[in-house]
């Protein structure tokens, strides 16, 4: 469930930042209630992502308004900050552990073009992964290309999940698979993140997932969606799987090709996907492809976070994550 009076809280926080945003959304346990160790966190840290058309101009204004939010990198100026944002990690620049309107917040800044690329192609599956789960949209402009990319990202998430599921499954199975896409291969799920995180996100928020994906599932010709029973059936024939594989985002297709193409064969992507569609382990190939994308981007982004947040904030933030993981483990063993 969404936490009460969150809309006003989010808009008040947004008023402290430069206005030129193509999209702003809040996500995580401070927005939608989660099961497990996060369930009782009334004042959980609020996580935001701000999407901006011109990061240099935005950081210039934000450095004037909120200079204290930045680490020592503020002394290098907005152009270097933007260069670090765009060219390292997953294309996001995070300022962490900020007090704003009596709430602890973390916010990431990403360029609109880089976000659109990630939504369409899954280059990093970082912010695109956040947007496959229920989020609270706080501000959005009329960018038609961005809106179309947001929709394509949801459709791609459904397709990837279908390929990793059996012929018949429940809504909860589907939403857990979708919520887990951007955690495949994420090293933070081993160190720092609560490992039951995916189910903790899905179980209390089935209605929000249904709202996000309901119409896409009802329109999809490859699925029978029994809404009353909360059950789905999909086409698992090689032809059906090949159709699905061919509509996956480009970077995932390339990763599957790289993993499944035997040395010396140099098959093109379509040939490899045709072979994978006929393979009983088709779902495993998709999962490996996802892991390759997420592992790379999560490690790079976390390394970048040390510099953008500063060492002291990184240590505090990491200890908070480990504390949550430890609480979850204690609950399971008690």
C-alpha atoms as a PDB file:
ATOM      1  CA  UNK A   1       0.000   0.000   0.000  1.00  0.00           C
ATOM      2  CA  UNK A   2       1.059   3.612  -0.561  1.00  0.00           C
ATOM      3  CA  UNK A   3       1.920   5.522   2.576  1.00  0.00           C
ATOM      4  CA  UNK A   4      -0.578   8.225   3.553  1.00  0.00           C
ATOM      5  CA  UNK A   5      -0.266  11.919   2.618  1.00  0.00           C
ATOM      6  CA  UNK A   6       2.829  11.090   0.584  1.00  0.00           C
ATOM      7  CA  UNK A   7       1.792  13.246  -2.410  1.00  0.00           C
ATOM      8  CA  UNK A   8       1.951  16.547  -0.497  1.00  0.00           C
ATOM      9  CA  UNK A   9       5.188  15.517   1.259  1.00  0.00           C
ATOM     10  CA  UNK A  10       6.856  14.720  -2.074  1.00  0.00           C
ATOM     11  CA  UNK A  11       5.746  17.950  -3.752  1.00  0.00           C
ATOM     12  CA  UNK A  12       7.006  19.996  -0.793  1.00  0.00           C
ATOM     13  CA  UNK A  13      10.397  18.298  -1.050  1.00  0.00           C
ATOM     14  CA  UNK A  14      10.449  18.870  -4.814  1.00  0.00           C
ATOM     15  CA  UNK A  15       9.940  22.618  -4.258  1.00  0.00           C
ATOM     16  CA  UNK A  16      13.472  22.792  -2.782  1.00  0.00           C
ATOM     17  CA  UNK A  17      15.025  21.870  -6.148  1.00  0.00           C
ATOM     18  CA  UNK A  18      15.388  23.524  -9.575  1.00  0.00           C
ATOM     19  CA  UNK A  19      12.129  23.094 -11.490  1.00  0.00           C
ATOM     20  CA  UNK A  20      13.363  21.952 -14.909  1.00  0.00           C
ATOM     21  CA  UNK A  21      12.462  18.249 -14.585  1.00  0.00           C
ATOM     22  CA  UNK A  22      11.120  16.037 -17.358  1.00  0.00           C
ATOM     23  CA  UNK A  23      10.264  13.383 -14.747  1.00  0.00           C
ATOM     24  CA  UNK A  24      10.540  13.103 -10.967  1.00  0.00           C
ATOM     25  CA  UNK A  25       9.531   9.997  -9.058  1.00  0.00           C
ATOM     26  CA  UNK A  26       9.854   8.586  -5.546  1.00  0.00           C
ATOM     27  CA  UNK A  27      10.431   4.888  -4.924  1.00  0.00           C
ATOM     28  CA  UNK A  28      11.320   2.340  -2.256  1.00  0.00           C
ATOM     29  CA  UNK A  29      10.156   1.544   1.260  1.00  0.00           C
ATOM     30  CA  UNK A  30       9.484   5.196   2.112  1.00  0.00           C
ATOM     31  CA  UNK A  31       6.783   5.292  -0.595  1.00  0.00           C
ATOM     32  CA  UNK A  32       5.175   1.835  -0.738  1.00  0.00           C
ATOM     33  CA  UNK A  33       4.967  -0.268   2.379  1.00  0.00           C
ATOM     34  CA  UNK A  34       7.151  -3.365   2.266  1.00  0.00           C
ATOM     35  CA  UNK A  35       7.035  -6.570   4.288  1.00  0.00           C
ATOM     36  CA  UNK A  36      10.015  -7.662   6.403  1.00  0.00           C
ATOM     37  CA  UNK A  37      12.493  -5.364   8.163  1.00  0.00           C
ATOM     38  CA  UNK A  38      11.208  -2.256   6.356  1.00  0.00           C
ATOM     39  CA  UNK A  39       7.559  -2.754   7.370  1.00  0.00           C
ATOM     40  CA  UNK A  40       7.651  -0.569  10.473  1.00  0.00           C
ATOM     41  CA  UNK A  41       9.756   2.293   9.077  1.00  0.00           C
ATOM     42  CA  UNK A  42       7.402   5.273   9.298  1.00  0.00           C
ATOM     43  CA  UNK A  43      10.271   7.664   8.656  1.00  0.00           C
ATOM     44  CA  UNK A  44      12.228   5.566   6.171  1.00  0.00           C
ATOM     45  CA  UNK A  45      14.583   7.470   3.904  1.00  0.00           C
ATOM     46  CA  UNK A  46      12.772   8.770   0.822  1.00  0.00           C
ATOM     47  CA  UNK A  47      14.420   7.873  -2.493  1.00  0.00           C
ATOM     48  CA  UNK A  48      13.929  10.109  -5.550  1.00  0.00           C
ATOM     49  CA  UNK A  49      15.098  10.186  -9.149  1.00  0.00           C
ATOM     50  CA  UNK A  50      15.077  13.509 -11.041  1.00  0.00           C
ATOM     51  CA  UNK A  51      15.255  13.346 -14.833  1.00  0.00           C
ATOM     52  CA  UNK A  52      16.611  16.494 -16.493  1.00  0.00           C
ATOM     53  CA  UNK A  53      17.045  17.563 -20.129  1.00  0.00           C
ATOM     54  CA  UNK A  54      20.137  19.676 -19.413  1.00  0.00           C
ATOM     55  CA  UNK A  55      22.168  18.268 -16.482  1.00  0.00           C
ATOM     56  CA  UNK A  56      24.831  21.028 -16.599  1.00  0.00           C
ATOM     57  CA  UNK A  57      22.198  23.774 -16.262  1.00  0.00           C
ATOM     58  CA  UNK A  58      20.331  21.818 -13.567  1.00  0.00           C
ATOM     59  CA  UNK A  59      23.437  21.134 -11.451  1.00  0.00           C
ATOM     60  CA  UNK A  60      24.487  24.793 -11.854  1.00  0.00           C
ATOM     61  CA  UNK A  61      21.190  25.892 -10.279  1.00  0.00           C
ATOM     62  CA  UNK A  62      21.210  23.127  -7.682  1.00  0.00           C
ATOM     63  CA  UNK A  63      24.767  23.978  -6.591  1.00  0.00           C
ATOM     64  CA  UNK A  64      23.527  27.529  -5.902  1.00  0.00           C
ATOM     65  CA  UNK A  65      20.420  26.316  -4.037  1.00  0.00           C
ATOM     66  CA  UNK A  66      21.709  23.167  -2.321  1.00  0.00           C
ATOM     67  CA  UNK A  67      25.508  23.289  -2.345  1.00  0.00           C
ATOM     68  CA  UNK A  68      25.749  21.347   0.934  1.00  0.00           C
ATOM     69  CA  UNK A  69      24.105  18.295  -0.705  1.00  0.00           C
ATOM     70  CA  UNK A  70      27.236  17.601  -2.763  1.00  0.00           C
ATOM     71  CA  UNK A  71      30.474  15.915  -1.742  1.00  0.00           C
ATOM     72  CA  UNK A  72      33.871  17.505  -2.431  1.00  0.00           C
ATOM     73  CA  UNK A  73      33.059  17.087  -6.129  1.00  0.00           C
ATOM     74  CA  UNK A  74      31.139  20.390  -5.848  1.00  0.00           C
ATOM     75  CA  UNK A  75      34.501  22.160  -6.090  1.00  0.00           C
ATOM     76  CA  UNK A  76      34.978  20.713  -9.600  1.00  0.00           C
ATOM     77  CA  UNK A  77      31.825  22.459 -10.863  1.00  0.00           C
ATOM     78  CA  UNK A  78      28.673  21.420 -12.759  1.00  0.00           C
ATOM     79  CA  UNK A  79      30.405  20.323 -15.993  1.00  0.00           C
ATOM     80  CA  UNK A  80      32.621  17.767 -14.233  1.00  0.00           C
ATOM     81  CA  UNK A  81      29.676  16.614 -12.076  1.00  0.00           C
ATOM     82  CA  UNK A  82      27.641  16.063 -15.261  1.00  0.00           C
ATOM     83  CA  UNK A  83      30.530  14.241 -16.918  1.00  0.00           C
ATOM     84  CA  UNK A  84      30.785  11.895 -13.907  1.00  0.00           C
ATOM     85  CA  UNK A  85      26.981  11.488 -13.952  1.00  0.00           C
ATOM     86  CA  UNK A  86      26.777  10.582 -17.649  1.00  0.00           C
ATOM     87  CA  UNK A  87      29.969   8.619 -18.239  1.00  0.00           C
ATOM     88  CA  UNK A  88      30.436   6.436 -15.156  1.00  0.00           C
ATOM     89  CA  UNK A  89      28.221   3.834 -13.511  1.00  0.00           C
ATOM     90  CA  UNK A  90      24.596   3.726 -14.643  1.00  0.00           C
ATOM     91  CA  UNK A  91      24.283   7.365 -15.741  1.00  0.00           C
ATOM     92  CA  UNK A  92      22.924   8.576 -12.385  1.00  0.00           C
ATOM     93  CA  UNK A  93      24.451  11.076  -9.939  1.00  0.00           C
ATOM     94  CA  UNK A  94      23.254  10.474  -6.355  1.00  0.00           C
ATOM     95  CA  UNK A  95      23.297  12.847  -3.397  1.00  0.00           C
ATOM     96  CA  UNK A  96      22.614  10.776  -0.269  1.00  0.00           C
ATOM     97  CA  UNK A  97      21.575  11.292   3.362  1.00  0.00           C
ATOM     98  CA  UNK A  98      20.150  14.805   2.858  1.00  0.00           C
ATOM     99  CA  UNK A  99      17.765  16.357   5.416  1.00  0.00           C
ATOM    100  CA  UNK A 100      14.941  18.078   3.518  1.00  0.00           C
ATOM    101  CA  UNK A 101      11.654  19.206   5.104  1.00  0.00           C
ATOM    102  CA  UNK A 102      12.506  17.153   8.224  1.00  0.00           C
ATOM    103  CA  UNK A 103      12.856  13.971   6.138  1.00  0.00           C
ATOM    104  CA  UNK A 104      15.998  12.072   5.245  1.00  0.00           C
ATOM    105  CA  UNK A 105      16.217  11.781   1.454  1.00  0.00           C
ATOM    106  CA  UNK A 106      18.475  10.476  -1.296  1.00  0.00           C
ATOM    107  CA  UNK A 107      18.107  11.743  -4.862  1.00  0.00           C
ATOM    108  CA  UNK A 108      19.592  10.674  -8.157  1.00  0.00           C
ATOM    109  CA  UNK A 109      19.887  12.897 -11.225  1.00  0.00           C
ATOM    110  CA  UNK A 110      19.827  11.370 -14.712  1.00  0.00           C
ATOM    111  CA  UNK A 111      19.735  12.910 -18.177  1.00  0.00           C
ATOM    112  CA  UNK A 112      16.436  12.431 -20.065  1.00  0.00           C
ATOM    113  CA  UNK A 113      18.261  10.978 -23.100  1.00  0.00           C
ATOM    114  CA  UNK A 114      20.196   8.445 -21.020  1.00  0.00           C
ATOM    115  CA  UNK A 115      17.007   7.376 -19.225  1.00  0.00           C
ATOM    116  CA  UNK A 116      15.163   6.901 -22.544  1.00  0.00           C
ATOM    117  CA  UNK A 117      18.080   4.750 -23.816  1.00  0.00           C
ATOM    118  CA  UNK A 118      17.944   2.625 -20.649  1.00  0.00           C
ATOM    119  CA  UNK A 119      14.159   2.219 -20.842  1.00  0.00           C
ATOM    120  CA  UNK A 120      14.298   1.110 -24.488  1.00  0.00           C
ATOM    121  CA  UNK A 121      17.520  -0.946 -24.581  1.00  0.00           C
ATOM    122  CA  UNK A 122      18.257  -1.893 -20.943  1.00  0.00           C
ATOM    123  CA  UNK A 123      21.854  -0.661 -21.220  1.00  0.00           C
ATOM    124  CA  UNK A 124      22.098  -0.607 -17.413  1.00  0.00           C
ATOM    125  CA  UNK A 125      18.654  -1.719 -16.200  1.00  0.00           C
ATOM    126  CA  UNK A 126      19.241   0.618 -13.252  1.00  0.00           C
ATOM    127  CA  UNK A 127      16.665   3.418 -13.335  1.00  0.00           C
ATOM    128  CA  UNK A 128      14.688   1.358 -15.888  1.00  0.00           C
ATOM    129  CA  UNK A 129      14.593  -1.391 -13.230  1.00  0.00           C
ATOM    130  CA  UNK A 130      13.262   1.011 -10.600  1.00  0.00           C
ATOM    131  CA  UNK A 131      10.471   1.970 -13.029  1.00  0.00           C
ATOM    132  CA  UNK A 132       9.385  -1.670 -13.500  1.00  0.00           C
ATOM    133  CA  UNK A 133       8.086  -1.585  -9.924  1.00  0.00           C
ATOM    134  CA  UNK A 134       5.367   0.728  -8.534  1.00  0.00           C
ATOM    135  CA  UNK A 135       6.721   4.265  -8.055  1.00  0.00           C
ATOM    136  CA  UNK A 136       5.115   7.576  -7.168  1.00  0.00           C
ATOM    137  CA  UNK A 137       5.341   9.974 -10.120  1.00  0.00           C
ATOM    138  CA  UNK A 138       5.700  13.439  -8.555  1.00  0.00           C
ATOM    139  CA  UNK A 139       6.251  15.513 -11.723  1.00  0.00           C
ATOM    140  CA  UNK A 140       6.195  14.740 -15.445  1.00  0.00           C
ATOM    141  CA  UNK A 141       6.239  16.912 -18.546  1.00  0.00           C
ATOM    142  CA  UNK A 142       4.709  16.235 -21.948  1.00  0.00           C
ATOM    143  CA  UNK A 143       7.744  14.473 -23.475  1.00  0.00           C
ATOM    144  CA  UNK A 144       6.023  11.959 -25.807  1.00  0.00           C
ATOM    145  CA  UNK A 145       9.242  10.002 -26.461  1.00  0.00           C
ATOM    146  CA  UNK A 146       9.838   9.572 -22.724  1.00  0.00           C
ATOM    147  CA  UNK A 147       6.235   8.456 -22.103  1.00  0.00           C
ATOM    148  CA  UNK A 148       6.479   5.921 -24.941  1.00  0.00           C
ATOM    149  CA  UNK A 149       9.803   4.601 -23.559  1.00  0.00           C
ATOM    150  CA  UNK A 150       8.273   4.212 -20.068  1.00  0.00           C
ATOM    151  CA  UNK A 151       5.500   2.065 -21.583  1.00  0.00           C
ATOM    152  CA  UNK A 152       7.976  -0.003 -23.658  1.00  0.00           C
ATOM    153  CA  UNK A 153      10.026  -0.714 -20.504  1.00  0.00           C
ATOM    154  CA  UNK A 154       6.946  -2.224 -18.796  1.00  0.00           C
ATOM    155  CA  UNK A 155       6.115  -4.347 -21.864  1.00  0.00           C
ATOM    156  CA  UNK A 156       9.717  -5.583 -22.044  1.00  0.00           C
ATOM    157  CA  UNK A 157       9.603  -6.504 -18.340  1.00  0.00           C
ATOM    158  CA  UNK A 158       6.502  -8.639 -18.952  1.00  0.00           C
ATOM    159  CA  UNK A 159       8.152 -10.368 -21.930  1.00  0.00           C
ATOM    160  CA  UNK A 160      11.386 -11.144 -20.037  1.00  0.00           C
ATOM    161  CA  UNK A 161       9.386 -12.491 -17.074  1.00  0.00           C
ATOM    162  CA  UNK A 162       7.251 -14.703 -19.370  1.00  0.00           C
ATOM    163  CA  UNK A 163      10.398 -16.320 -20.765  1.00  0.00           C
ATOM    164  CA  UNK A 164      11.519 -17.296 -17.238  1.00  0.00           C
ATOM    165  CA  UNK A 165       8.132 -18.627 -16.059  1.00  0.00           C
ATOM    166  CA  UNK A 166       6.339 -21.946 -16.720  1.00  0.00           C
ATOM    167  CA  UNK A 167       3.215 -22.284 -18.882  1.00  0.00           C
ATOM    168  CA  UNK A 168       0.841 -21.501 -16.003  1.00  0.00           C
ATOM    169  CA  UNK A 169       1.501 -19.271 -12.969  1.00  0.00           C
ATOM    170  CA  UNK A 170      -0.049 -16.802 -10.534  1.00  0.00           C
ATOM    171  CA  UNK A 171      -0.038 -13.005 -10.619  1.00  0.00           C
ATOM    172  CA  UNK A 172       2.285 -13.048  -7.616  1.00  0.00           C
ATOM    173  CA  UNK A 173       4.734 -15.316  -9.503  1.00  0.00           C
ATOM    174  CA  UNK A 174       4.727 -12.886 -12.432  1.00  0.00           C
ATOM    175  CA  UNK A 175       5.138  -9.743 -10.331  1.00  0.00           C
ATOM    176  CA  UNK A 176       7.935 -11.365  -8.276  1.00  0.00           C
ATOM    177  CA  UNK A 177       9.742 -12.246 -11.521  1.00  0.00           C
ATOM    178  CA  UNK A 178       9.309  -8.671 -12.817  1.00  0.00           C
ATOM    179  CA  UNK A 179      10.404  -7.105  -9.511  1.00  0.00           C
ATOM    180  CA  UNK A 180      13.476  -9.349  -9.514  1.00  0.00           C
ATOM    181  CA  UNK A 181      14.665  -8.466 -13.038  1.00  0.00           C
ATOM    182  CA  UNK A 182      16.845  -5.569 -11.928  1.00  0.00           C
ATOM    183  CA  UNK A 183      18.246  -7.550  -8.962  1.00  0.00           C
ATOM    184  CA  UNK A 184      19.564 -10.454 -11.099  1.00  0.00           C
ATOM    185  CA  UNK A 185      23.321 -10.448 -10.626  1.00  0.00           C
ATOM    186  CA  UNK A 186      23.266  -7.386  -8.331  1.00  0.00           C
ATOM    187  CA  UNK A 187      26.203  -7.878  -5.943  1.00  0.00           C
ATOM    188  CA  UNK A 188      24.342  -5.800  -3.314  1.00  0.00           C
ATOM    189  CA  UNK A 189      21.852  -8.671  -2.918  1.00  0.00           C
ATOM    190  CA  UNK A 190      24.751 -10.647  -1.417  1.00  0.00           C
ATOM    191  CA  UNK A 191      26.297  -7.789   0.571  1.00  0.00           C
ATOM    192  CA  UNK A 192      24.018  -5.154   2.064  1.00  0.00           C
ATOM    193  CA  UNK A 193      20.565  -5.695   0.571  1.00  0.00           C
ATOM    194  CA  UNK A 194      17.954  -7.872   2.284  1.00  0.00           C
ATOM    195  CA  UNK A 195      17.875 -11.073   0.174  1.00  0.00           C
ATOM    196  CA  UNK A 196      14.101 -11.535   0.613  1.00  0.00           C
ATOM    197  CA  UNK A 197      13.692  -8.012  -0.789  1.00  0.00           C
ATOM    198  CA  UNK A 198      11.779  -9.026  -3.939  1.00  0.00           C
ATOM    199  CA  UNK A 199       8.933 -10.786  -2.107  1.00  0.00           C
ATOM    200  CA  UNK A 200       8.871  -8.031   0.515  1.00  0.00           C
ATOM    201  CA  UNK A 201       8.235  -5.544  -2.312  1.00  0.00           C
ATOM    202  CA  UNK A 202       5.591  -7.636  -4.115  1.00  0.00           C
ATOM    203  CA  UNK A 203       3.390  -9.168  -1.404  1.00  0.00           C
ATOM    204  CA  UNK A 204       1.961  -5.952   0.140  1.00  0.00           C
ATOM    205  CA  UNK A 205       1.720  -4.240  -3.266  1.00  0.00           C
ATOM    206  CA  UNK A 206      -0.054  -6.723  -5.560  1.00  0.00           C
ATOM    207  CA  UNK A 207      -2.781  -4.134  -6.258  1.00  0.00           C
ATOM    208  CA  UNK A 208      -0.169  -1.546  -7.348  1.00  0.00           C
ATOM    209  CA  UNK A 209       1.538  -4.070  -9.648  1.00  0.00           C
ATOM    210  CA  UNK A 210      -1.873  -4.960 -11.092  1.00  0.00           C
ATOM    211  CA  UNK A 211      -2.528  -1.271 -11.750  1.00  0.00           C
ATOM    212  CA  UNK A 212       0.837  -0.953 -13.514  1.00  0.00           C
ATOM    213  CA  UNK A 213       0.590  -4.106 -15.663  1.00  0.00           C
ATOM    214  CA  UNK A 214      -3.130  -5.005 -15.899  1.00  0.00           C
ATOM    215  CA  UNK A 215      -3.895  -3.402 -19.270  1.00  0.00           C
ATOM    216  CA  UNK A 216      -0.608  -4.641 -20.817  1.00  0.00           C
ATOM    217  CA  UNK A 217      -1.479  -8.226 -19.795  1.00  0.00           C
ATOM    218  CA  UNK A 218      -5.056  -7.968 -21.064  1.00  0.00           C
ATOM    219  CA  UNK A 219      -3.893  -6.623 -24.444  1.00  0.00           C
ATOM    220  CA  UNK A 220      -1.125  -9.239 -24.895  1.00  0.00           C
ATOM    221  CA  UNK A 221      -2.145 -11.868 -27.524  1.00  0.00           C
ATOM    222  CA  UNK A 222       0.266 -14.459 -26.050  1.00  0.00           C
ATOM    223  CA  UNK A 223      -1.338 -14.664 -22.625  1.00  0.00           C
ATOM    224  CA  UNK A 224      -4.637 -15.840 -21.158  1.00  0.00           C
ATOM    225  CA  UNK A 225      -5.182 -13.621 -18.098  1.00  0.00           C
ATOM    226  CA  UNK A 226      -7.796 -14.995 -15.694  1.00  0.00           C
ATOM    227  CA  UNK A 227      -8.243 -11.902 -13.535  1.00  0.00           C
ATOM    228  CA  UNK A 228     -10.822 -13.482 -11.187  1.00  0.00           C
ATOM    229  CA  UNK A 229      -8.480 -16.335 -10.213  1.00  0.00           C
ATOM    230  CA  UNK A 230      -5.325 -14.241 -10.516  1.00  0.00           C
ATOM    231  CA  UNK A 231      -3.843 -16.870 -12.869  1.00  0.00           C
ATOM    232  CA  UNK A 232      -2.103 -16.594 -16.242  1.00  0.00           C
ATOM    233  CA  UNK A 233      -1.259 -19.005 -19.056  1.00  0.00           C
ATOM    234  CA  UNK A 234       1.288 -18.261 -21.783  1.00  0.00           C
ATOM    235  CA  UNK A 235       2.477 -19.743 -25.064  1.00  0.00           C
ATOM    236  CA  UNK A 236       5.647 -21.744 -24.336  1.00  0.00           C
ATOM    237  CA  UNK A 237       6.034 -23.154 -27.860  1.00  0.00           C
ATOM    238  CA  UNK A 238       9.415 -22.484 -29.567  1.00  0.00           C
ATOM    239  CA  UNK A 239       7.583 -20.163 -31.992  1.00  0.00           C
ATOM    240  CA  UNK A 240       5.999 -18.226 -29.105  1.00  0.00           C
ATOM    241  CA  UNK A 241       9.329 -17.970 -27.288  1.00  0.00           C
ATOM    242  CA  UNK A 242      11.132 -16.824 -30.437  1.00  0.00           C
ATOM    243  CA  UNK A 243       8.564 -14.037 -30.904  1.00  0.00           C
ATOM    244  CA  UNK A 244       9.156 -12.962 -27.304  1.00  0.00           C
ATOM    245  CA  UNK A 245      12.958 -13.152 -27.574  1.00  0.00           C
ATOM    246  CA  UNK A 246      12.883 -10.989 -30.716  1.00  0.00           C
ATOM    247  CA  UNK A 247      11.038  -8.202 -28.869  1.00  0.00           C
ATOM    248  CA  UNK A 248      13.444  -8.090 -25.888  1.00  0.00           C
ATOM    249  CA  UNK A 249      15.539  -4.923 -25.435  1.00  0.00           C
ATOM    250  CA  UNK A 250      18.640  -4.791 -27.632  1.00  0.00           C
ATOM    251  CA  UNK A 251      21.285  -5.011 -24.869  1.00  0.00           C
ATOM    252  CA  UNK A 252      19.645  -8.113 -23.377  1.00  0.00           C
ATOM    253  CA  UNK A 253      19.510  -9.784 -26.819  1.00  0.00           C
ATOM    254  CA  UNK A 254      23.220  -9.022 -27.298  1.00  0.00           C
ATOM    255  CA  UNK A 255      24.105 -10.424 -23.857  1.00  0.00           C
ATOM    256  CA  UNK A 256      22.160 -13.644 -24.579  1.00  0.00           C
ATOM    257  CA  UNK A 257      23.985 -13.918 -27.916  1.00  0.00           C
ATOM    258  CA  UNK A 258      27.350 -13.377 -26.199  1.00  0.00           C
ATOM    259  CA  UNK A 259      26.606 -16.073 -23.578  1.00  0.00           C
ATOM    260  CA  UNK A 260      24.993 -18.682 -25.864  1.00  0.00           C
ATOM    261  CA  UNK A 261      26.999 -18.305 -29.105  1.00  0.00           C
ATOM    262  CA  UNK A 262      29.665 -21.057 -29.094  1.00  0.00           C
ATOM    263  CA  UNK A 263      33.280 -19.915 -29.612  1.00  0.00           C
ATOM    264  CA  UNK A 264      34.206 -19.574 -33.280  1.00  0.00           C
ATOM    265  CA  UNK A 265      30.600 -19.699 -34.544  1.00  0.00           C
ATOM    266  CA  UNK A 266      30.006 -15.929 -34.681  1.00  0.00           C
ATOM    267  CA  UNK A 267      26.267 -16.337 -35.218  1.00  0.00           C
ATOM    268  CA  UNK A 268      24.142 -13.245 -35.537  1.00  0.00           C
ATOM    269  CA  UNK A 269      21.711 -12.375 -32.753  1.00  0.00           C
ATOM    270  CA  UNK A 270      18.613 -13.660 -34.562  1.00  0.00           C
ATOM    271  CA  UNK A 271      20.216 -17.080 -35.194  1.00  0.00           C
ATOM    272  CA  UNK A 272      21.206 -17.424 -31.540  1.00  0.00           C
ATOM    273  CA  UNK A 273      17.746 -16.386 -30.314  1.00  0.00           C
ATOM    274  CA  UNK A 274      16.157 -18.950 -32.662  1.00  0.00           C
ATOM    275  CA  UNK A 275      18.324 -21.671 -31.069  1.00  0.00           C
ATOM    276  CA  UNK A 276      17.552 -20.414 -27.552  1.00  0.00           C
ATOM    277  CA  UNK A 277      13.788 -20.459 -28.305  1.00  0.00           C
ATOM    278  CA  UNK A 278      14.037 -24.224 -28.954  1.00  0.00           C
ATOM    279  CA  UNK A 279      16.143 -24.852 -25.833  1.00  0.00           C
ATOM    280  CA  UNK A 280      14.386 -26.209 -22.694  1.00  0.00           C
ATOM    281  CA  UNK A 281      16.702 -23.901 -20.694  1.00  0.00           C
ATOM    282  CA  UNK A 282      15.574 -20.769 -22.567  1.00  0.00           C
ATOM    283  CA  UNK A 283      14.624 -19.040 -19.283  1.00  0.00           C
ATOM    284  CA  UNK A 284      18.098 -19.639 -17.839  1.00  0.00           C
ATOM    285  CA  UNK A 285      19.698 -17.967 -20.871  1.00  0.00           C
ATOM    286  CA  UNK A 286      17.512 -14.881 -20.316  1.00  0.00           C
ATOM    287  CA  UNK A 287      18.386 -14.849 -16.606  1.00  0.00           C
ATOM    288  CA  UNK A 288      22.124 -15.039 -17.364  1.00  0.00           C
ATOM    289  CA  UNK A 289      21.793 -12.173 -19.847  1.00  0.00           C
ATOM    290  CA  UNK A 290      20.020 -10.040 -17.236  1.00  0.00           C
ATOM    291  CA  UNK A 291      22.658 -10.883 -14.615  1.00  0.00           C
ATOM    292  CA  UNK A 292      25.454  -9.771 -16.947  1.00  0.00           C
ATOM    293  CA  UNK A 293      23.809  -6.342 -17.448  1.00  0.00           C
ATOM    294  CA  UNK A 294      22.900  -5.773 -13.782  1.00  0.00           C
ATOM    295  CA  UNK A 295      26.185  -7.022 -12.298  1.00  0.00           C
ATOM    296  CA  UNK A 296      28.225  -4.578 -14.365  1.00  0.00           C
ATOM    297  CA  UNK A 297      26.009  -1.529 -13.749  1.00  0.00           C
ATOM    298  CA  UNK A 298      25.462  -2.174 -10.000  1.00  0.00           C
ATOM    299  CA  UNK A 299      29.199  -2.500  -9.298  1.00  0.00           C
ATOM    300  CA  UNK A 300      30.077   0.610 -11.332  1.00  0.00           C
ATOM    301  CA  UNK A 301      27.263   2.690  -9.837  1.00  0.00           C
ATOM    302  CA  UNK A 302      28.136   1.674  -6.263  1.00  0.00           C
ATOM    303  CA  UNK A 303      31.813   2.504  -6.849  1.00  0.00           C
ATOM    304  CA  UNK A 304      30.779   5.896  -8.229  1.00  0.00           C
ATOM    305  CA  UNK A 305      28.642   6.445  -5.113  1.00  0.00           C
ATOM    306  CA  UNK A 306      31.770   6.547  -2.944  1.00  0.00           C
ATOM    307  CA  UNK A 307      32.863   9.696  -4.783  1.00  0.00           C
ATOM    308  CA  UNK A 308      29.470  11.365  -5.266  1.00  0.00           C
ATOM    309  CA  UNK A 309      28.349  10.798  -1.648  1.00  0.00           C
ATOM    310  CA  UNK A 310      31.768  11.137  -0.016  1.00  0.00           C
ATOM    311  CA  UNK A 311      33.410   8.477   2.154  1.00  0.00           C
ATOM    312  CA  UNK A 312      31.647   9.385   5.431  1.00  0.00           C
ATOM    313  CA  UNK A 313      28.132   9.288   3.935  1.00  0.00           C
ATOM    314  CA  UNK A 314      28.963   6.066   2.056  1.00  0.00           C
ATOM    315  CA  UNK A 315      29.985   4.377   5.313  1.00  0.00           C
ATOM    316  CA  UNK A 316      26.781   5.542   7.071  1.00  0.00           C
ATOM    317  CA  UNK A 317      24.567   4.511   4.134  1.00  0.00           C
ATOM    318  CA  UNK A 318      26.241   1.071   3.853  1.00  0.00           C
ATOM    319  CA  UNK A 319      25.833   0.453   7.592  1.00  0.00           C
ATOM    320  CA  UNK A 320      22.093   1.297   7.336  1.00  0.00           C
ATOM    321  CA  UNK A 321      21.720  -1.245   4.508  1.00  0.00           C
ATOM    322  CA  UNK A 322      23.588  -3.937   6.484  1.00  0.00           C
ATOM    323  CA  UNK A 323      21.466  -3.164   9.570  1.00  0.00           C
ATOM    324  CA  UNK A 324      18.277  -3.762   7.538  1.00  0.00           C
ATOM    325  CA  UNK A 325      19.687  -7.047   6.198  1.00  0.00           C
ATOM    326  CA  UNK A 326      20.671  -8.135   9.747  1.00  0.00           C
ATOM    327  CA  UNK A 327      17.175  -7.298  11.076  1.00  0.00           C
ATOM    328  CA  UNK A 328      15.647  -9.407   8.306  1.00  0.00           C
ATOM    329  CA  UNK A 329      17.928 -12.338   9.153  1.00  0.00           C
ATOM    330  CA  UNK A 330      17.078 -12.099  12.874  1.00  0.00           C
ATOM    331  CA  UNK A 331      13.348 -12.148  12.073  1.00  0.00           C
ATOM    332  CA  UNK A 332      13.742 -15.321  10.007  1.00  0.00           C
ATOM    333  CA  UNK A 333      15.772 -17.130  12.684  1.00  0.00           C
ATOM    334  CA  UNK A 334      13.691 -16.072  15.704  1.00  0.00           C
END
